Amino acid sequence: MNRRSLFQLAGLPLFQLKAQDKKFKISLAQWSLHKAIQSRMITNLDFPRITREHFGIEGLEYVNQLWQAPVSDYVRRLKSEQNKTGTKCVLIMCDGEGFMGHPEKAVRMAASANHYKWVDITAELGGHAIRTNMYPGPTQPKTPGEIDDFIGRCAESFADLCAYAKKANINVIIENHGGVSSVADVVVKLMKMVGLPNFGTLPDFGNFPKEADKYDAVRKLMPFAKGVSLKCHDFDASGRETTIDLDRMMGIVDAAGYKGYVGIEYEGSRMTEFEGIQAAKKYLAKWAV
């Protein structure tokens, strides 16, 4: 009789199997708690403890805009909280650091340099990646020619950032996060153009325009995935997500042979943040074994 059968006979949940027996690990995107943090009910320094104590989750996906002060002493305190709670930084989601695809070279290269500090902080905290945005600047490219020009500009700035991140053994990953970055074919073309081993994607299940086939888009992004974002909004009494076919999405992730972290990103309003995270964790646990 194998260990999985023993767990079932004992009436124990399968997600209590050791991490090495699982297909992937579960992490928590800090944005799932952004309301609590922005209302000052909790702080970024509480994130490791709450993630461990309330949800039994090890992996932490920080969001830079929810930090109080990214200075050396603050990072030291955050690292201490991780050590005390047995949690681990997976990645830092970086927003507000400039336009990596801006038409002016000086602007886009400055945006790349703005991310350097987050590479260093991620390395200090033990994470493997920074999540970046593929944004063009003042206007969105629309014609095929404009999009090709945009991809070429992004290739230059992201290659620079990847070169810096390589020295710290950090990955640079792009999330489909609105605008042209939510067009999977555009992101895939950039991945192939840059072609660096520490450059990849963070497929998010929900950040696509309504007219897009989000399942096909995630399928296209998965070959380059160095992270996965389980976006969710609501769960019914049976534990089914009511806005996204999560079984279909996770089937795509599974078929891709993905073995990294899958991050819970709850953005609903009917359930509280804590309820939504708990429901997502319960759902995701069955896929991890």
Protein backbone atom coordinates (compact mmCIF):
# COMPACT_ATOMS: atom_id res chain seq x y z
CA MET A 1 0.00 0.00 0.00
CA ASN A 2 1.44 3.39 -0.96
CA ARG A 3 1.58 6.51 1.22
CA ARG A 4 -1.27 8.15 -0.66
CA SER A 5 -3.59 5.23 0.14
CA LEU A 6 -2.54 5.34 3.79
CA PHE A 7 -3.46 9.01 3.97
CA GLN A 8 -6.86 8.30 2.46
CA LEU A 9 -7.56 5.43 4.86
CA ALA A 10 -6.58 7.62 7.79
CA GLY A 11 -9.02 10.28 6.63
CA LEU A 12 -6.21 12.80 6.23
CA PRO A 13 -6.20 15.37 3.40
CA LEU A 14 -3.81 14.50 0.63
CA PHE A 15 -2.22 17.97 0.76
CA GLN A 16 -0.45 16.88 3.95
CA LEU A 17 1.87 14.72 1.88
CA LYS A 18 5.47 15.93 1.92
CA ALA A 19 6.40 18.64 -0.58
CA GLN A 20 8.65 16.31 -2.58
CA ASP A 21 5.64 14.06 -3.30
CA LYS A 22 3.65 16.89 -4.84
CA LYS A 23 3.44 18.02 -8.44
CA PHE A 24 3.97 21.63 -7.39
CA LYS A 25 4.04 23.86 -4.32
CA ILE A 26 1.42 26.40 -3.30
CA SER A 27 2.25 30.05 -2.71
CA LEU A 28 0.17 33.06 -1.80
CA ALA A 29 0.18 36.25 -3.85
CA GLN A 30 0.24 39.15 -1.42
CA TRP A 31 -2.29 41.01 -3.55
CA SER A 32 -4.89 38.57 -2.16
CA LEU A 33 -4.58 40.57 1.10
CA HIS A 34 -4.19 44.03 -0.39
CA LYS A 35 -7.41 45.34 1.16
CA ALA A 36 -6.31 44.33 4.64
CA ILE A 37 -2.85 45.83 4.09
CA GLN A 38 -4.04 49.05 2.50
CA SER A 39 -6.58 49.57 5.29
CA ARG A 40 -3.70 49.01 7.77
CA MET A 41 -5.33 46.03 9.43
CA ILE A 42 -2.06 44.20 8.77
CA THR A 43 1.34 45.15 7.35
CA ASN A 44 3.79 43.62 4.93
CA LEU A 45 5.85 42.44 7.90
CA ASP A 46 2.82 40.38 9.04
CA PHE A 47 2.53 38.63 5.69
CA PRO A 48 4.86 35.66 6.45
CA ARG A 49 3.14 34.91 9.79
CA ILE A 50 -0.40 35.20 8.42
CA THR A 51 0.43 33.10 5.36
CA ARG A 52 1.77 30.32 7.55
CA GLU A 53 -0.59 30.48 10.56
CA HIS A 54 -3.90 31.16 8.80
CA PHE A 55 -3.45 29.28 5.53
CA GLY A 56 -0.66 26.76 6.09
CA ILE A 57 1.17 28.07 3.03
CA GLU A 58 4.95 28.27 2.73
CA GLY A 59 5.51 30.32 -0.43
CA LEU A 60 5.34 34.12 -0.39
CA GLU A 61 4.72 36.24 -3.47
CA TYR A 62 5.35 39.80 -2.38
CA VAL A 63 3.99 42.94 -4.10
CA ASN A 64 6.39 45.89 -4.01
CA GLN A 65 3.66 48.54 -3.76
CA LEU A 66 2.50 47.01 -0.46
CA TRP A 67 5.89 47.48 1.20
CA GLN A 68 6.53 50.23 3.74
CA ALA A 69 10.18 50.92 2.93
CA PRO A 70 12.55 48.77 0.84
CA VAL A 71 15.65 49.71 2.84
CA SER A 72 18.29 47.37 4.20
CA ASP A 73 17.02 47.22 7.79
CA TYR A 74 13.44 46.62 6.62
CA VAL A 75 14.56 43.74 4.38
CA ARG A 76 16.51 42.29 7.31
CA ARG A 77 13.37 42.38 9.50
CA LEU A 78 11.29 40.75 6.76
CA LYS A 79 13.88 38.02 6.33
CA SER A 80 13.77 37.43 10.09
CA GLU A 81 9.98 37.00 9.90
CA GLN A 82 10.41 34.41 7.15
CA ASN A 83 12.91 32.48 9.24
CA LYS A 84 10.66 32.53 12.32
CA THR A 85 7.62 31.28 10.42
CA GLY A 86 9.29 28.78 8.12
CA THR A 87 8.12 30.63 5.03
CA LYS A 88 9.98 31.33 1.82
CA CYS A 89 10.06 34.20 -0.63
CA VAL A 90 9.10 32.92 -4.06
CA LEU A 91 9.07 36.18 -5.98
CA ILE A 92 8.42 39.91 -5.79
CA MET A 93 5.82 41.46 -8.08
CA CYS A 94 7.22 44.80 -9.26
CA ASP A 95 4.92 47.63 -10.31
CA GLY A 96 5.48 51.34 -10.87
CA GLU A 97 9.12 51.10 -11.95
CA GLY A 98 8.73 52.46 -15.46
CA PHE A 99 7.89 51.43 -19.01
CA MET A 100 10.10 48.64 -20.34
CA GLY A 101 8.79 49.20 -23.88
CA HIS A 102 8.90 53.02 -23.98
CA PRO A 103 9.71 54.58 -27.38
CA GLU A 104 12.62 56.54 -25.88
CA LYS A 105 15.63 54.34 -25.18
CA ALA A 106 16.76 56.36 -22.15
CA VAL A 107 13.33 55.94 -20.53
CA ARG A 108 13.07 52.19 -21.06
CA MET A 109 16.65 51.56 -19.96
CA ALA A 110 16.02 53.64 -16.84
CA ALA A 111 13.00 51.40 -16.19
CA SER A 112 15.27 48.37 -16.41
CA ALA A 113 17.70 49.93 -13.93
CA ASN A 114 14.82 50.75 -11.58
CA HIS A 115 14.25 47.01 -11.19
CA TYR A 116 17.83 46.26 -10.13
CA LYS A 117 17.11 46.93 -6.46
CA TRP A 118 14.22 44.43 -6.54
CA VAL A 119 16.53 41.80 -8.02
CA ASP A 120 18.90 42.39 -5.12
CA ILE A 121 16.12 42.29 -2.51
CA THR A 122 14.63 39.12 -3.99
CA ALA A 123 18.02 37.46 -3.84
CA GLU A 124 18.48 38.56 -0.23
CA LEU A 125 15.10 37.08 0.72
CA GLY A 126 15.80 33.81 -1.05
CA GLY A 127 13.34 34.22 -3.92
CA HIS A 128 13.85 33.03 -7.49
CA ALA A 129 12.21 35.76 -9.58
CA ILE A 130 10.88 39.26 -9.99
CA ARG A 131 7.60 39.71 -11.83
CA THR A 132 7.74 42.61 -14.27
CA ASN A 133 5.33 44.38 -16.60
CA MET A 134 5.55 44.62 -20.37
CA TYR A 135 4.18 48.15 -20.73
CA PRO A 136 4.71 50.49 -23.72
CA GLY A 137 4.33 53.93 -22.17
CA PRO A 138 1.96 56.67 -23.34
CA THR A 139 -0.01 54.68 -25.93
CA GLN A 140 -0.74 51.04 -26.68
CA PRO A 141 0.65 49.71 -29.98
CA LYS A 142 -2.15 48.59 -32.28
CA THR A 143 -0.96 47.86 -35.81
CA PRO A 144 1.29 44.87 -36.56
CA GLY A 145 4.17 47.22 -37.28
CA GLU A 146 3.71 49.11 -34.03
CA ILE A 147 3.56 45.86 -32.09
CA ASP A 148 6.74 44.56 -33.73
CA ASP A 149 8.54 47.81 -32.87
CA PHE A 150 7.30 47.54 -29.30
CA ILE A 151 8.52 43.96 -28.97
CA GLY A 152 11.94 45.01 -30.26
CA ARG A 153 12.17 47.78 -27.69
CA CYS A 154 11.13 45.40 -24.90
CA ALA A 155 13.72 42.88 -26.04
CA GLU A 156 16.45 45.45 -25.47
CA SER A 157 15.39 46.48 -21.98
CA PHE A 158 14.50 42.99 -20.77
CA ALA A 159 17.80 41.59 -22.05
CA ASP A 160 19.56 44.24 -19.99
CA LEU A 161 17.54 43.38 -16.88
CA CYS A 162 18.09 39.65 -17.37
CA ALA A 163 21.85 40.23 -17.64
CA TYR A 164 21.82 42.02 -14.30
CA ALA A 165 19.54 39.39 -12.70
CA LYS A 166 21.71 36.53 -13.93
CA LYS A 167 24.51 37.63 -11.61
CA ALA A 168 22.18 37.04 -8.63
CA ASN A 169 20.66 33.84 -10.10
CA ILE A 170 17.27 35.56 -10.37
CA ASN A 171 14.66 35.06 -13.08
CA VAL A 172 12.82 37.90 -14.80
CA ILE A 173 9.23 36.94 -15.58
CA ILE A 174 6.38 38.73 -17.34
CA GLU A 175 2.74 38.47 -16.31
CA ASN A 176 -0.13 39.05 -18.69
CA HIS A 177 -1.17 42.21 -16.89
CA GLY A 178 -3.32 44.30 -19.20
CA GLY A 179 -2.94 46.00 -22.56
CA VAL A 180 -0.71 44.34 -25.13
CA SER A 181 0.89 42.21 -22.40
CA SER A 182 -2.38 40.26 -22.26
CA VAL A 183 -1.97 39.13 -25.87
CA ALA A 184 -0.26 35.77 -25.53
CA ASP A 185 1.23 35.77 -29.05
CA VAL A 186 2.99 39.06 -28.33
CA VAL A 187 4.51 37.78 -25.09
CA VAL A 188 5.58 34.52 -26.75
CA LYS A 189 7.28 36.45 -29.55
CA LEU A 190 9.22 38.46 -26.96
CA MET A 191 10.23 35.28 -25.12
CA LYS A 192 11.67 33.82 -28.33
CA MET A 193 13.38 37.07 -29.33
CA VAL A 194 15.19 37.47 -26.00
CA GLY A 195 15.81 33.75 -25.64
CA LEU A 196 17.59 33.87 -22.27
CA PRO A 197 17.32 31.04 -19.73
CA ASN A 198 16.37 33.38 -16.86
CA PHE A 199 13.54 35.01 -18.84
CA GLY A 200 10.03 33.61 -18.68
CA THR A 201 6.32 34.08 -18.12
CA LEU A 202 3.90 34.18 -15.20
CA PRO A 203 0.61 33.05 -16.75
CA ASP A 204 -2.32 34.59 -14.87
CA PHE A 205 -5.66 32.84 -15.34
CA GLY A 206 -7.71 36.01 -15.33
CA ASN A 207 -5.85 38.93 -16.93
CA PHE A 208 -7.19 38.67 -20.45
CA PRO A 209 -9.72 40.75 -22.42
CA LYS A 210 -13.25 39.34 -22.49
CA GLU A 211 -13.03 38.42 -26.15
CA ALA A 212 -9.85 36.38 -25.70
CA ASP A 213 -9.73 32.62 -25.30
CA LYS A 214 -7.94 32.66 -21.96
CA TYR A 215 -7.48 28.90 -21.91
CA ASP A 216 -5.68 28.90 -25.24
CA ALA A 217 -3.65 31.92 -24.13
CA VAL A 218 -2.46 30.19 -20.95
CA ARG A 219 -1.59 27.13 -23.04
CA LYS A 220 0.65 29.30 -25.22
CA LEU A 221 2.36 30.91 -22.23
CA MET A 222 3.00 27.72 -20.25
CA PRO A 223 6.10 26.52 -22.17
CA PHE A 224 7.91 29.62 -20.84
CA ALA A 225 6.35 29.61 -17.36
CA LYS A 226 8.51 30.12 -14.28
CA GLY A 227 5.43 30.78 -12.16
CA VAL A 228 1.64 30.40 -12.37
CA SER A 229 -1.00 32.72 -10.93
CA LEU A 230 -4.26 31.06 -9.95
CA LYS A 231 -6.53 34.08 -10.28
CA CYS A 232 -9.91 33.51 -8.63
CA HIS A 233 -12.93 35.59 -7.63
CA ASP A 234 -15.60 33.40 -6.05
CA PHE A 235 -16.36 29.85 -4.97
CA ASP A 236 -19.73 28.16 -4.53
CA ALA A 237 -20.78 25.80 -1.73
CA SER A 238 -19.26 22.81 -3.54
CA GLY A 239 -15.86 24.53 -3.80
CA ARG A 240 -16.13 25.31 -7.51
CA GLU A 241 -14.81 28.64 -8.80
CA THR A 242 -17.76 30.31 -10.49
CA THR A 243 -15.99 32.74 -12.88
CA ILE A 244 -13.17 30.59 -14.31
CA ASP A 245 -13.03 26.91 -15.20
CA LEU A 246 -10.15 26.15 -12.84
CA ASP A 247 -10.20 22.44 -13.62
CA ARG A 248 -9.57 23.25 -17.27
CA MET A 249 -6.85 25.77 -16.39
CA MET A 250 -5.08 23.41 -14.01
CA GLY A 251 -5.33 20.65 -16.60
CA ILE A 252 -3.36 22.91 -18.96
CA VAL A 253 -0.76 23.57 -16.25
CA ASP A 254 -0.51 19.86 -15.49
CA ALA A 255 -0.21 18.90 -19.16
CA ALA A 256 2.70 21.33 -19.52
CA GLY A 257 4.61 19.37 -16.88
CA TYR A 258 4.94 22.43 -14.66
CA LYS A 259 6.69 21.77 -11.31
CA GLY A 260 7.11 25.24 -9.77
CA TYR A 261 4.92 27.27 -7.43
CA VAL A 262 1.26 27.99 -8.18
CA GLY A 263 0.30 31.24 -6.50
CA ILE A 264 -3.19 31.93 -5.15
CA GLU A 265 -4.39 35.39 -6.16
CA TYR A 266 -7.88 35.99 -4.81
CA GLU A 267 -9.57 39.17 -6.07
CA GLY A 268 -13.22 38.60 -5.22
CA SER A 269 -15.65 40.78 -3.29
CA ARG A 270 -18.45 38.48 -2.08
CA MET A 271 -16.15 36.43 0.12
CA THR A 272 -13.67 38.10 2.45
CA GLU A 273 -10.02 37.95 1.52
CA PHE A 274 -9.41 35.29 4.18
CA GLU A 275 -12.41 33.20 3.05
CA GLY A 276 -11.40 33.44 -0.60
CA ILE A 277 -7.82 32.40 0.08
CA GLN A 278 -8.97 29.46 2.19
CA ALA A 279 -11.37 28.30 -0.53
CA ALA A 280 -8.67 28.58 -3.18
CA LYS A 281 -6.18 26.67 -1.01
CA LYS A 282 -8.71 23.87 -0.47
CA TYR A 283 -9.35 23.68 -4.22
CA LEU A 284 -5.70 23.81 -5.24
CA ALA A 285 -4.54 21.19 -2.74
CA LYS A 286 -6.21 18.40 -4.73
CA TRP A 287 -4.12 19.26 -7.79
CA ALA A 288 -0.81 19.31 -5.93
CA VAL A 289 -0.70 15.55 -5.29
